[in-house]
Amino acid sequence: MKREAVQLLNKIIEQEPGEGKWREMRGQALVDGKNFRAAILDFEFALEQLPPEAAVDRARLLAGRGLAYEGLGDWVAALGDYDQALSQAQSGEWSRARDNYLESADGFQRATGFRYGRSNTPRLDGAVFSSSNAALMLVQMGDEAGAMKEMQDVARRAPGSVDMRAALAALYWRQGREAAAEAEWEFACTRITVGCSRYQDPDWVFRIRRWPPVMCAYLEDFLALRSTNGSSTINAPASFRE
């Protein structure tokens, strides 16, 4: 069936060689058939045809190419595409973005030899990054209970994830669970080597790390209120909403 789909799309592309949608469809079929290098070429062609304002389409194509890179074991390139896809997805379509991240997380974890805590760094980082982003998307979609459960799961499997510790702190604080929020924040700031300093920078969290807007606002509230309450000497950050 996969081979037949590729053959059919080959004929269509012969008739409309400049149409990006056919290349995307063939790229997806090629990924399913494990012809990853050819799939990458199709996704790249489709990306080149997009106008600058087509953010949602660009996010989808980047996620597709990321899956192809995963198939080749090029974890660094896959992470780069998923990161760009998240940036594009901030214009909308959070549910689709979440589906893409769940698929990519599954791909990283199904990779040969993958085990949490025992895999090579790019592969482990890819699984954690994708799972973390999928959880963050749930907050934007309004499912905070589901997001909390997924964040706790990521933090349990990857205890050194500052990203999930900071996210949990923000969600716990929103729920009025101040002690739990402080515990997560303290762990991130003092017990993980890289520390929590980046998560005190609103511009970095939104523009570079690319948390969705709702989570950025929750983190802002957490940092501002704990500073006002005298929980720490950290100054309240400039607004994420500016």
Protein backbone atom coordinates (compact mmCIF):
# COMPACT_ATOMS: atom_id res chain seq x y z
CA MET A 1 0.00 0.00 0.00
CA LYS A 2 2.81 2.43 0.87
CA ARG A 3 4.64 1.61 -2.35
CA GLU A 4 1.44 2.04 -4.35
CA ALA A 5 0.86 5.43 -2.74
CA VAL A 6 4.36 6.57 -3.66
CA GLN A 7 3.93 5.34 -7.23
CA LEU A 8 0.63 7.16 -7.60
CA LEU A 9 2.11 10.36 -6.21
CA ASN A 10 5.07 10.01 -8.57
CA LYS A 11 2.66 10.17 -11.50
CA ILE A 12 0.85 13.19 -10.05
CA ILE A 13 4.12 15.01 -9.43
CA GLU A 14 5.14 14.39 -13.04
CA GLN A 15 2.05 16.35 -14.06
CA GLU A 16 2.40 19.07 -11.39
CA PRO A 17 6.10 19.18 -10.48
CA GLY A 18 5.92 22.53 -8.70
CA GLU A 19 3.00 21.72 -6.39
CA GLY A 20 4.22 21.46 -2.80
CA LYS A 21 1.24 19.56 -1.40
CA TRP A 22 2.03 16.50 -3.52
CA ARG A 23 5.62 16.55 -2.31
CA GLU A 24 4.43 16.70 1.29
CA MET A 25 2.10 13.75 0.74
CA ARG A 26 4.84 11.74 -0.92
CA GLY A 27 7.23 12.68 1.87
CA GLN A 28 4.79 11.28 4.42
CA ALA A 29 4.41 8.08 2.42
CA LEU A 30 8.18 7.78 2.09
CA VAL A 31 8.60 8.13 5.86
CA ASP A 32 6.05 5.36 6.36
CA GLY A 33 8.07 3.26 3.92
CA LYS A 34 11.33 4.11 5.73
CA ASN A 35 12.82 5.89 2.71
CA PHE A 36 13.92 8.75 4.93
CA ARG A 37 16.46 10.49 2.70
CA ALA A 38 14.01 10.81 -0.16
CA ALA A 39 11.35 12.03 2.27
CA ILE A 40 13.64 14.82 3.49
CA LEU A 41 14.09 16.04 -0.09
CA ASP A 42 10.32 16.19 -0.57
CA PHE A 43 9.72 18.06 2.68
CA GLU A 44 12.48 20.52 1.80
CA PHE A 45 10.93 21.15 -1.61
CA ALA A 46 7.52 21.76 -0.03
CA LEU A 47 9.03 24.13 2.55
CA GLU A 48 10.63 26.18 -0.21
CA GLN A 49 7.24 26.72 -1.85
CA LEU A 50 5.60 28.22 1.24
CA PRO A 51 4.99 31.96 1.60
CA PRO A 52 6.40 33.58 4.77
CA GLU A 53 2.98 33.89 6.42
CA ALA A 54 2.17 30.14 6.21
CA ALA A 55 3.25 29.42 9.79
CA VAL A 56 0.96 26.46 10.44
CA ASP A 57 1.90 24.71 7.20
CA ARG A 58 5.57 25.36 7.91
CA ALA A 59 5.25 23.83 11.39
CA ARG A 60 3.63 20.72 9.93
CA LEU A 61 6.33 20.28 7.27
CA LEU A 62 9.13 20.81 9.77
CA ALA A 63 7.61 18.18 12.05
CA GLY A 64 7.41 15.78 9.10
CA ARG A 65 11.03 16.38 8.17
CA GLY A 66 11.96 15.94 11.82
CA LEU A 67 10.43 12.45 11.76
CA ALA A 68 12.50 11.65 8.68
CA TYR A 69 15.66 12.81 10.44
CA GLU A 70 14.72 10.59 13.38
CA GLY A 71 14.49 7.67 11.00
CA LEU A 72 18.08 8.33 9.96
CA GLY A 73 19.19 8.61 13.57
CA ASP A 74 20.10 12.27 13.08
CA TRP A 75 18.82 13.36 16.48
CA VAL A 76 20.37 16.84 16.39
CA ALA A 77 18.71 17.70 13.06
CA ALA A 78 15.41 16.26 14.30
CA LEU A 79 15.53 18.41 17.44
CA GLY A 80 16.27 21.47 15.32
CA ASP A 81 13.21 20.87 13.17
CA TYR A 82 10.95 20.23 16.16
CA ASP A 83 12.18 23.41 17.82
CA GLN A 84 11.39 25.43 14.70
CA ALA A 85 8.02 23.70 14.40
CA LEU A 86 7.13 24.80 17.93
CA SER A 87 8.04 28.38 17.07
CA GLN A 88 5.75 28.30 14.04
CA ALA A 89 2.97 26.60 16.00
CA GLN A 90 2.76 29.51 18.42
CA SER A 91 0.52 31.21 15.88
CA GLY A 92 -2.14 28.57 16.54
CA GLU A 93 -3.07 24.90 15.99
CA TRP A 94 -1.88 23.80 19.43
CA SER A 95 -3.64 20.44 19.17
CA ARG A 96 -1.83 19.56 15.96
CA ALA A 97 1.45 20.70 17.46
CA ARG A 98 0.84 18.43 20.46
CA ASP A 99 0.14 15.46 18.20
CA ASN A 100 3.41 16.10 16.38
CA TYR A 101 5.35 16.18 19.65
CA LEU A 102 3.74 13.00 20.93
CA GLU A 103 4.66 11.27 17.69
CA SER A 104 8.23 12.52 17.86
CA ALA A 105 8.60 11.52 21.53
CA ASP A 106 7.43 8.03 20.61
CA GLY A 107 9.94 7.95 17.78
CA PHE A 108 12.84 8.85 20.04
CA GLN A 109 11.80 6.26 22.62
CA ARG A 110 11.37 3.49 20.04
CA ALA A 111 14.89 4.07 18.74
CA THR A 112 17.16 1.08 19.10
CA GLY A 113 18.79 0.92 22.50
CA PHE A 114 16.82 3.79 24.03
CA ARG A 115 16.47 3.76 27.82
CA TYR A 116 15.87 6.74 30.07
CA GLY A 117 19.07 7.60 31.85
CA ARG A 118 21.17 5.32 29.64
CA SER A 119 20.78 6.71 26.13
CA ASN A 120 23.08 9.05 24.28
CA THR A 121 22.45 12.70 25.05
CA PRO A 122 20.82 13.84 21.76
CA ARG A 123 18.38 10.93 21.79
CA LEU A 124 17.46 11.37 25.46
CA ASP A 125 17.20 15.14 25.05
CA GLY A 126 14.92 14.61 22.08
CA ALA A 127 12.55 12.38 24.02
CA VAL A 128 12.43 14.76 26.99
CA PHE A 129 12.08 17.85 24.77
CA SER A 130 9.21 16.36 22.77
CA SER A 131 7.37 15.01 25.82
CA SER A 132 7.79 18.32 27.64
CA ASN A 133 6.40 20.29 24.72
CA ALA A 134 3.43 17.95 24.41
CA ALA A 135 2.61 18.59 28.08
CA LEU A 136 2.97 22.35 27.66
CA MET A 137 0.55 22.25 24.72
CA LEU A 138 -2.10 20.74 27.01
CA VAL A 139 -2.02 23.81 29.24
CA GLN A 140 -2.59 26.04 26.23
CA MET A 141 -5.50 23.79 25.22
CA GLY A 142 -7.09 24.12 28.69
CA ASP A 143 -6.37 20.65 30.10
CA GLU A 144 -4.32 21.59 33.15
CA ALA A 145 -5.00 18.32 34.98
CA GLY A 146 -3.73 16.31 32.05
CA ALA A 147 -0.74 18.61 31.67
CA MET A 148 0.12 18.24 35.35
CA LYS A 149 0.10 14.45 35.08
CA GLU A 150 2.33 14.47 31.99
CA MET A 151 4.75 16.99 33.49
CA GLN A 152 5.07 14.90 36.64
CA ASP A 153 5.78 11.86 34.50
CA VAL A 154 8.51 13.67 32.53
CA ALA A 155 10.06 15.02 35.75
CA ARG A 156 10.06 11.53 37.24
CA ARG A 157 11.74 9.98 34.19
CA ALA A 158 14.12 12.92 33.67
CA PRO A 159 14.72 14.41 37.14
CA GLY A 160 17.29 16.84 35.75
CA SER A 161 14.76 18.64 33.54
CA VAL A 162 14.72 22.25 34.75
CA ASP A 163 12.04 22.94 32.16
CA MET A 164 9.51 20.61 33.74
CA ARG A 165 10.44 21.63 37.29
CA ALA A 166 9.77 25.27 36.41
CA ALA A 167 6.52 24.36 34.66
CA LEU A 168 5.35 22.31 37.64
CA ALA A 169 6.19 25.17 39.99
CA ALA A 170 4.02 27.51 37.93
CA LEU A 171 1.09 25.08 37.80
CA TYR A 172 1.29 24.18 41.49
CA TRP A 173 1.30 27.87 42.37
CA ARG A 174 -1.75 28.47 40.20
CA GLN A 175 -3.56 25.71 42.11
CA GLY A 176 -2.68 27.30 45.43
CA ARG A 177 -0.20 24.55 46.33
CA GLU A 178 2.51 26.96 47.38
CA ALA A 179 4.71 24.46 49.24
CA ALA A 180 4.79 22.12 46.25
CA ALA A 181 5.57 25.03 43.93
CA GLU A 182 8.43 26.21 46.11
CA ALA A 183 9.82 22.67 46.35
CA GLU A 184 9.93 22.27 42.57
CA TRP A 185 11.50 25.69 42.09
CA GLU A 186 14.07 25.07 44.81
CA PHE A 187 15.00 21.74 43.22
CA ALA A 188 15.44 23.38 39.82
CA CYS A 189 17.51 26.26 41.19
CA THR A 190 19.79 24.45 43.62
CA ARG A 191 19.90 20.73 42.83
CA ILE A 192 20.26 20.74 39.03
CA THR A 193 23.62 21.81 37.64
CA VAL A 194 22.37 24.29 35.04
CA GLY A 195 20.12 26.07 37.56
CA CYS A 196 16.95 28.07 36.98
CA SER A 197 18.31 31.49 35.95
CA ARG A 198 17.03 31.29 32.38
CA TYR A 199 13.50 30.74 33.62
CA GLN A 200 13.62 34.11 35.38
CA ASP A 201 13.99 35.79 31.97
CA PRO A 202 10.58 36.33 30.31
CA ASP A 203 12.07 36.99 26.90
CA TRP A 204 14.06 33.76 26.95
CA VAL A 205 11.13 31.62 28.08
CA PHE A 206 8.77 32.99 25.43
CA ARG A 207 11.04 33.78 22.48
CA ILE A 208 13.87 31.26 22.83
CA ARG A 209 12.43 28.33 24.83
CA ARG A 210 9.04 29.06 23.24
CA TRP A 211 6.63 28.10 25.96
CA PRO A 212 3.02 28.71 24.88
CA PRO A 213 1.49 32.01 26.09
CA VAL A 214 -0.67 30.58 28.89
CA MET A 215 2.27 28.82 30.53
CA CYS A 216 4.37 31.97 30.20
CA ALA A 217 1.68 33.91 32.04
CA TYR A 218 1.48 31.29 34.81
CA LEU A 219 5.23 31.40 35.32
CA GLU A 220 5.10 35.19 35.43
CA ASP A 221 2.43 35.05 38.12
CA PHE A 222 4.47 32.56 40.14
CA LEU A 223 7.66 34.61 40.03
CA ALA A 224 5.93 37.92 40.68
CA LEU A 225 3.82 36.69 43.60
CA ARG A 226 6.60 34.78 45.34
CA SER A 227 8.79 37.88 45.10
CA THR A 228 5.99 40.02 46.57
CA ASN A 229 5.44 37.49 49.34
CA GLY A 230 9.11 37.54 50.22
CA SER A 231 9.71 33.95 49.21
CA SER A 232 13.00 34.90 47.61
CA THR A 233 15.13 37.84 46.65
CA ILE A 234 14.43 37.37 42.94
CA ASN A 235 12.95 40.51 41.42
CA ALA A 236 9.64 40.20 39.62
CA PRO A 237 10.29 39.91 35.89
CA ALA A 238 8.94 42.16 33.17
CA SER A 239 5.58 40.94 31.94
CA PHE A 240 5.39 38.01 29.54
CA ARG A 241 2.27 39.65 28.15
CA GLU A 242 4.03 42.77 26.89
